């Protein structure tokens, strides 16, 4: 048993500790502490004074407590940078060198951000900035409008994503055809909608068609149509790249089994390509959510307004920019989880992409 214990390889944690040096751990710890102080300390100080109404928030920004927090974070950050840089040359392992670099970078970030924030809170524009951007008390009566705007934004994005995927898949199949008469119209469509601005497409469908052809199109429906047509062009390229990444032998094997071209695409190629295009399709969806803000150029009713439209109307009503902060937070609340999901899917699918064709 003693021999087995002696021959047992060390765990990953033990190995990392053995490759670290006290100086590198000190640099990393100081850097992490400096960033934590500036982030957590600022929130604690402002929270102690109160985020609403705006007067206590201004006092918190002007307080000596916040100045102390920023000074401490800068001093600790400077120490982390000095320890990390000075000790980098004496580190013998990769882990210890990376810890020194990480500590120095974190310390430098704390110094830069702390100095900028210290300069700002001790300047003469704190009251103006807080009054115009951080007056969160104004947002209470608007909460229902913002929730309705978020709902409309998601409806626009999901509708355009759904129709865009269907249209894009059809266009991709036509675009890779060997027959020019089949391929040319698909390529012309893709090039047109990728080559013209989305805002032009929105205005043309929502304003130009009703004027030029006398066809009345509801602004909200016009937005869905324009976003779907535009998304279809971009998703067609995503699907085309995914389909063409499948090994040529796959379709040849399917055709040798007696399948037609469309059957081979349906049963052999597209199911494999779909797995490969999931991450880029999710990226397109994130972009589409942000692009829905362009519907602001069309006249929408109060019930149809998207998130950006609601915020812009609120700012126009009382000339205070705080609703814009709410709009940004609303978009981030939707897009950041999707971005994390995209990264997760890419990591999960990356290792199996080579063997998908088999």
Protein backbone atom coordinates (compact mmCIF):
# COMPACT_ATOMS: atom_id res chain seq x y z
CA UNK A 1 0.00 0.00 0.00
CA UNK A 2 2.85 2.37 0.82
CA UNK A 3 4.45 1.68 -2.55
CA UNK A 4 1.15 2.27 -4.37
CA UNK A 5 0.66 5.54 -2.51
CA UNK A 6 4.15 6.66 -3.41
CA UNK A 7 3.65 5.86 -7.10
CA UNK A 8 0.22 7.50 -7.30
CA UNK A 9 0.47 10.59 -9.53
CA UNK A 10 -0.32 13.90 -7.86
CA UNK A 11 -3.73 15.46 -8.41
CA UNK A 12 -4.19 18.45 -10.72
CA UNK A 13 -4.51 20.84 -7.80
CA UNK A 14 -1.32 19.57 -6.19
CA UNK A 15 0.50 19.86 -9.51
CA UNK A 16 -0.58 23.47 -9.97
CA UNK A 17 0.50 24.34 -6.45
CA UNK A 18 3.89 22.74 -7.03
CA UNK A 19 4.37 24.78 -10.20
CA UNK A 20 3.40 28.04 -8.51
CA UNK A 21 5.76 30.29 -6.59
CA UNK A 22 4.93 32.39 -3.53
CA UNK A 23 5.77 35.57 -5.44
CA UNK A 24 3.50 34.66 -8.38
CA UNK A 25 0.64 33.79 -6.03
CA UNK A 26 1.16 37.10 -4.25
CA UNK A 27 0.98 39.04 -7.54
CA UNK A 28 -2.16 37.19 -8.61
CA UNK A 29 -3.79 37.67 -5.22
CA UNK A 30 -3.02 41.39 -5.12
CA UNK A 31 -4.36 41.87 -8.65
CA UNK A 32 -7.60 40.03 -7.87
CA UNK A 33 -7.96 41.97 -4.63
CA UNK A 34 -7.47 45.32 -6.39
CA UNK A 35 -10.19 44.58 -8.96
CA UNK A 36 -12.52 43.24 -6.26
CA UNK A 37 -12.07 46.35 -4.14
CA UNK A 38 -12.92 48.71 -6.98
CA UNK A 39 -15.98 46.70 -8.08
CA UNK A 40 -17.45 45.56 -4.78
CA UNK A 41 -16.37 48.63 -2.83
CA UNK A 42 -18.00 51.03 -5.27
CA UNK A 43 -21.29 49.12 -5.19
CA UNK A 44 -21.23 48.94 -1.39
CA UNK A 45 -20.54 52.66 -0.95
CA UNK A 46 -23.19 53.73 -3.43
CA UNK A 47 -25.67 51.23 -2.02
CA UNK A 48 -25.11 52.58 1.49
CA UNK A 49 -26.04 56.06 0.33
CA UNK A 50 -28.90 54.82 -1.87
CA UNK A 51 -29.35 54.51 -5.64
CA UNK A 52 -32.65 56.37 -5.63
CA UNK A 53 -33.56 59.16 -5.63
CA UNK A 54 -30.69 60.77 -7.49
CA UNK A 55 -29.58 63.11 -4.68
CA UNK A 56 -28.25 60.35 -2.37
CA UNK A 57 -26.56 58.75 -5.37
CA UNK A 58 -24.73 61.98 -6.12
CA UNK A 59 -23.64 62.18 -2.49
CA UNK A 60 -22.31 58.64 -2.75
CA UNK A 61 -20.34 59.50 -5.86
CA UNK A 62 -18.94 62.58 -4.12
CA UNK A 63 -18.26 60.81 -0.79
CA UNK A 64 -14.88 60.42 0.86
CA UNK A 65 -15.64 56.72 1.33
CA UNK A 66 -15.65 56.19 -2.44
CA UNK A 67 -12.43 58.18 -2.75
CA UNK A 68 -10.85 55.90 -0.13
CA UNK A 69 -12.02 52.79 -1.97
CA UNK A 70 -10.55 54.02 -5.24
CA UNK A 71 -7.25 55.02 -3.66
CA UNK A 72 -6.90 51.64 -1.94
CA UNK A 73 -7.68 49.79 -5.16
CA UNK A 74 -5.10 51.84 -7.07
CA UNK A 75 -2.41 51.29 -4.41
CA UNK A 76 -3.06 47.54 -4.28
CA UNK A 77 -3.21 47.40 -8.09
CA UNK A 78 0.10 49.24 -8.39
CA UNK A 79 1.67 46.80 -5.92
CA UNK A 80 0.32 43.85 -7.94
CA UNK A 81 1.76 45.29 -11.15
CA UNK A 82 5.17 45.87 -9.56
CA UNK A 83 5.32 42.41 -7.96
CA UNK A 84 4.14 40.69 -11.13
CA UNK A 85 6.53 42.47 -13.48
CA UNK A 86 9.57 42.33 -11.19
CA UNK A 87 9.08 38.66 -10.40
CA UNK A 88 8.38 37.50 -13.95
CA UNK A 89 12.02 36.92 -14.85
CA UNK A 90 12.69 34.67 -11.87
CA UNK A 91 9.74 32.31 -12.46
CA UNK A 92 10.80 28.83 -13.59
CA UNK A 93 7.43 27.32 -14.56
CA UNK A 94 4.79 28.35 -17.04
CA UNK A 95 2.09 28.42 -14.37
CA UNK A 96 4.03 30.84 -12.18
CA UNK A 97 4.83 33.09 -15.14
CA UNK A 98 1.17 33.19 -16.17
CA UNK A 99 0.21 34.05 -12.59
CA UNK A 100 2.68 36.94 -12.57
CA UNK A 101 1.34 38.24 -15.88
CA UNK A 102 -2.29 37.88 -14.74
CA UNK A 103 -1.56 39.68 -11.48
CA UNK A 104 0.23 42.52 -13.27
CA UNK A 105 -2.57 42.92 -15.82
CA UNK A 106 -5.29 42.91 -13.14
CA UNK A 107 -3.31 45.42 -11.12
CA UNK A 108 -2.86 47.66 -14.14
CA UNK A 109 -6.58 47.50 -14.88
CA UNK A 110 -7.40 48.47 -11.31
CA UNK A 111 -5.01 51.43 -11.51
CA UNK A 112 -6.42 52.68 -14.83
CA UNK A 113 -10.10 52.23 -13.94
CA UNK A 114 -9.60 53.56 -10.45
CA UNK A 115 -7.81 56.66 -11.73
CA UNK A 116 -10.48 57.35 -14.33
CA UNK A 117 -13.30 56.95 -11.82
CA UNK A 118 -11.46 59.06 -9.23
CA UNK A 119 -10.97 61.82 -11.80
CA UNK A 120 -14.63 61.67 -12.81
CA UNK A 121 -16.22 61.68 -9.34
CA UNK A 122 -14.04 64.60 -8.32
CA UNK A 123 -14.86 66.58 -11.46
CA UNK A 124 -17.60 69.13 -12.05
CA UNK A 125 -19.94 66.97 -14.16
CA UNK A 126 -21.00 64.34 -11.64
CA UNK A 127 -24.32 66.02 -10.85
CA UNK A 128 -25.14 66.53 -14.53
CA UNK A 129 -24.26 62.93 -15.43
CA UNK A 130 -26.15 61.38 -12.50
CA UNK A 131 -29.23 63.54 -13.10
CA UNK A 132 -29.41 62.72 -16.81
CA UNK A 133 -28.32 59.07 -16.82
CA UNK A 134 -28.81 57.63 -13.33
CA UNK A 135 -32.21 59.00 -12.28
CA UNK A 136 -33.66 55.50 -11.84
CA UNK A 137 -36.69 56.81 -9.99
CA UNK A 138 -38.11 57.89 -13.35
CA UNK A 139 -38.13 54.29 -14.61
CA UNK A 140 -40.80 53.02 -12.21
CA UNK A 141 -43.85 54.29 -14.13
CA UNK A 142 -42.25 53.14 -17.41
CA UNK A 143 -41.63 49.54 -16.36
CA UNK A 144 -44.77 48.22 -18.06
CA UNK A 145 -43.85 49.95 -21.32
CA UNK A 146 -40.34 48.53 -21.19
CA UNK A 147 -41.63 44.99 -20.61
CA UNK A 148 -44.01 45.37 -23.55
CA UNK A 149 -41.13 46.71 -25.65
CA UNK A 150 -38.95 43.74 -24.69
CA UNK A 151 -41.80 41.40 -25.68
CA UNK A 152 -42.15 43.07 -29.07
CA UNK A 153 -38.39 42.94 -29.62
CA UNK A 154 -38.35 39.20 -28.97
CA UNK A 155 -41.37 38.65 -31.22
CA UNK A 156 -39.63 40.51 -34.05
CA UNK A 157 -36.39 38.58 -33.53
CA UNK A 158 -37.91 35.12 -33.17
CA UNK A 159 -40.27 35.62 -36.13
CA UNK A 160 -37.46 36.80 -38.38
CA UNK A 161 -35.20 33.98 -37.17
CA UNK A 162 -37.88 31.35 -37.90
CA UNK A 163 -38.71 32.58 -41.41
CA UNK A 164 -35.05 33.40 -42.07
CA UNK A 165 -33.95 29.84 -41.31
CA UNK A 166 -36.57 28.36 -43.67
CA UNK A 167 -35.74 30.83 -46.44
CA UNK A 168 -32.00 30.54 -45.87
CA UNK A 169 -32.03 26.74 -46.08
CA UNK A 170 -33.93 26.81 -49.37
CA UNK A 171 -31.63 29.48 -50.79
CA UNK A 172 -28.55 27.54 -49.71
CA UNK A 173 -29.74 24.41 -51.52
CA UNK A 174 -30.39 26.41 -54.69
CA UNK A 175 -27.12 28.36 -54.37
CA UNK A 176 -24.95 25.22 -54.46
CA UNK A 177 -26.76 23.71 -57.43
CA UNK A 178 -24.64 22.88 -60.48
CA UNK A 179 -27.32 24.34 -62.75
CA UNK A 180 -26.75 28.05 -63.36
CA UNK A 181 -30.46 28.72 -63.95
CA UNK A 182 -31.16 27.45 -60.42
CA UNK A 183 -28.10 28.97 -58.79
CA UNK A 184 -28.23 32.46 -60.32
CA UNK A 185 -31.55 33.69 -58.81
CA UNK A 186 -30.52 32.49 -55.35
CA UNK A 187 -27.14 34.22 -55.62
CA UNK A 188 -28.80 37.41 -56.87
CA UNK A 189 -31.18 37.41 -53.89
CA UNK A 190 -28.37 36.77 -51.40
CA UNK A 191 -26.11 39.42 -52.88
CA UNK A 192 -28.91 42.00 -53.00
CA UNK A 193 -30.00 41.65 -49.39
CA UNK A 194 -26.44 41.39 -48.11
CA UNK A 195 -25.31 44.30 -50.25
CA UNK A 196 -27.99 46.85 -49.31
CA UNK A 197 -28.42 48.41 -45.85
CA UNK A 198 -31.01 46.84 -43.60
CA UNK A 199 -32.42 50.28 -42.81
CA UNK A 200 -33.02 50.82 -46.56
CA UNK A 201 -34.86 47.49 -46.76
CA UNK A 202 -37.04 48.48 -43.82
CA UNK A 203 -37.92 51.86 -45.31
CA UNK A 204 -38.54 50.43 -48.78
CA UNK A 205 -40.89 47.72 -47.52
CA UNK A 206 -42.58 49.84 -44.86
CA UNK A 207 -42.75 53.14 -46.74
CA UNK A 208 -41.73 52.70 -50.38
CA UNK A 209 -44.11 49.87 -51.27
CA UNK A 210 -47.20 51.57 -49.78
CA UNK A 211 -46.34 54.78 -51.68
CA UNK A 212 -45.23 53.19 -54.94
CA UNK A 213 -47.75 50.37 -55.24
CA UNK A 214 -50.58 51.56 -53.06
CA UNK A 215 -50.36 48.44 -50.89
CA UNK A 216 -50.94 49.19 -47.23
CA UNK A 217 -48.49 47.32 -45.02
CA UNK A 218 -48.68 47.49 -41.25
CA UNK A 219 -45.40 48.87 -39.89
CA UNK A 220 -44.91 45.98 -37.48
CA UNK A 221 -45.56 43.38 -40.19
CA UNK A 222 -43.31 45.29 -42.57
CA UNK A 223 -40.56 45.02 -39.97
CA UNK A 224 -41.01 41.26 -39.66
CA UNK A 225 -40.94 40.89 -43.46
CA UNK A 226 -37.80 43.01 -43.86
CA UNK A 227 -35.94 41.30 -41.00
CA UNK A 228 -36.93 37.85 -42.32
CA UNK A 229 -35.80 38.60 -45.88
CA UNK A 230 -32.52 40.04 -44.64
CA UNK A 231 -31.89 37.19 -42.19
CA UNK A 232 -32.65 34.65 -44.93
CA UNK A 233 -29.79 36.01 -47.06
CA UNK A 234 -27.24 35.77 -44.25
CA UNK A 235 -28.45 32.39 -43.06
CA UNK A 236 -28.27 31.08 -46.61
CA UNK A 237 -24.53 31.69 -46.53
CA UNK A 238 -24.27 29.99 -43.15
CA UNK A 239 -26.14 26.93 -44.42
CA UNK A 240 -24.15 26.93 -47.66
CA UNK A 241 -20.88 26.86 -45.76
CA UNK A 242 -22.20 24.10 -43.49
CA UNK A 243 -23.41 21.97 -46.38
CA UNK A 244 -20.20 22.37 -48.37
CA UNK A 245 -18.15 21.44 -45.30
CA UNK A 246 -19.61 17.92 -45.42
CA UNK A 247 -17.31 15.49 -47.16
CA UNK A 248 -18.14 14.97 -50.85
CA UNK A 249 -18.22 11.23 -50.32
CA UNK A 250 -21.35 11.58 -48.20
CA UNK A 251 -23.58 12.72 -51.04
CA UNK A 252 -21.94 10.30 -53.44
CA UNK A 253 -22.67 7.43 -51.06
CA UNK A 254 -26.29 8.57 -50.72
CA UNK A 255 -26.69 8.80 -54.49
CA UNK A 256 -25.16 5.35 -54.93
CA UNK A 257 -27.92 4.00 -52.68
CA UNK A 258 -30.51 5.21 -55.18
CA UNK A 259 -31.43 8.52 -53.55
CA UNK A 260 -32.23 11.53 -55.67
CA UNK A 261 -30.30 14.77 -55.13
CA UNK A 262 -33.04 16.24 -52.93
CA UNK A 263 -33.36 12.99 -50.95
CA UNK A 264 -29.60 12.89 -50.39
CA UNK A 265 -29.68 16.48 -49.16
CA UNK A 266 -32.67 15.81 -46.90
CA UNK A 267 -31.58 12.54 -45.30
CA UNK A 268 -27.76 12.60 -45.47
CA UNK A 269 -26.29 16.08 -45.85
CA UNK A 270 -28.58 18.59 -44.14
CA UNK A 271 -28.88 16.66 -40.81
CA UNK A 272 -25.09 16.70 -40.55
CA UNK A 273 -24.77 20.31 -41.69
CA UNK A 274 -27.34 21.54 -39.16
CA UNK A 275 -25.11 20.47 -36.28
CA UNK A 276 -22.23 22.45 -37.69
CA UNK A 277 -24.21 25.64 -38.30
CA UNK A 278 -25.91 25.86 -34.88
CA UNK A 279 -23.28 28.22 -33.36
CA UNK A 280 -23.18 30.65 -36.33
CA UNK A 281 -26.98 30.62 -36.49
CA UNK A 282 -27.09 31.57 -32.81
CA UNK A 283 -24.62 34.38 -33.53
CA UNK A 284 -26.90 35.61 -36.31
CA UNK A 285 -29.81 35.55 -33.85
CA UNK A 286 -27.89 37.73 -31.39
CA UNK A 287 -27.15 40.21 -34.18
CA UNK A 288 -30.79 40.08 -35.27
CA UNK A 289 -32.01 41.00 -31.78
CA UNK A 290 -29.89 44.16 -31.87
CA UNK A 291 -30.88 44.95 -35.47
CA UNK A 292 -34.57 45.03 -34.50
CA UNK A 293 -33.87 48.47 -33.01
CA UNK A 294 -33.80 49.80 -36.58
CA UNK A 295 -37.57 49.43 -36.76
CA UNK A 296 -37.58 52.80 -35.03
CA UNK A 297 -37.53 54.36 -38.52
CA UNK A 298 -41.11 53.08 -39.09
CA UNK A 299 -44.12 54.58 -37.36
CA UNK A 300 -45.32 52.14 -34.71
CA UNK A 301 -48.28 52.34 -32.40
CA UNK A 302 -47.65 52.46 -28.66
CA UNK A 303 -48.55 48.76 -28.34
CA UNK A 304 -46.12 47.80 -31.15
CA UNK A 305 -43.04 49.69 -29.97
CA UNK A 306 -39.93 47.66 -29.45
CA UNK A 307 -37.46 48.20 -26.62
CA UNK A 308 -35.47 50.90 -28.40
CA UNK A 309 -38.62 52.69 -29.52
CA UNK A 310 -39.99 52.75 -25.97
CA UNK A 311 -36.76 54.20 -24.60
CA UNK A 312 -36.51 56.82 -27.32
CA UNK A 313 -40.09 57.94 -26.74
CA UNK A 314 -39.49 58.17 -22.99
CA UNK A 315 -36.42 60.35 -23.54
CA UNK A 316 -38.35 62.58 -25.93
CA UNK A 317 -41.11 63.07 -23.36
CA UNK A 318 -38.99 64.47 -20.51
CA UNK A 319 -35.52 65.06 -22.06
CA UNK A 320 -33.78 62.72 -19.62
CA UNK A 321 -31.45 60.01 -20.93
CA UNK A 322 -31.91 57.51 -18.08
CA UNK A 323 -34.30 55.35 -20.19
CA UNK A 324 -31.42 54.74 -22.60
CA UNK A 325 -29.59 52.98 -19.75
CA UNK A 326 -32.67 50.81 -19.22
CA UNK A 327 -32.74 50.00 -22.94
CA UNK A 328 -29.10 48.92 -22.90
CA UNK A 329 -29.66 46.74 -19.82
CA UNK A 330 -32.69 45.17 -21.51
CA UNK A 331 -30.71 44.20 -24.59
CA UNK A 332 -27.84 42.89 -22.47
CA UNK A 333 -30.24 40.78 -20.40
CA UNK A 334 -31.28 39.00 -23.59
CA UNK A 335 -28.04 38.88 -25.58
CA UNK A 336 -25.46 38.02 -22.90
CA UNK A 337 -27.04 34.62 -22.00
CA UNK A 338 -27.30 33.86 -25.73
CA UNK A 339 -23.63 34.75 -26.24
CA UNK A 340 -22.69 32.40 -23.40
CA UNK A 341 -24.88 29.72 -24.97
CA UNK A 342 -23.11 30.18 -28.31
CA UNK A 343 -19.70 29.79 -26.67
CA UNK A 344 -20.91 26.69 -24.82
CA UNK A 345 -22.27 25.11 -28.01
CA UNK A 346 -19.07 25.86 -29.91
CA UNK A 347 -16.99 24.12 -27.26
CA UNK A 348 -19.33 21.12 -27.15
CA UNK A 349 -19.53 20.71 -30.91
CA UNK A 350 -15.98 21.60 -31.88
CA UNK A 351 -14.46 18.29 -30.83
CA UNK A 352 -17.01 16.26 -32.77
CA UNK A 353 -17.09 18.22 -35.98
CA UNK A 354 -14.41 16.20 -37.73
CA UNK A 355 -16.22 12.96 -37.15
CA UNK A 356 -19.73 14.14 -37.91
CA UNK A 357 -19.55 12.93 -41.52
CA UNK A 358 -18.74 9.40 -40.39
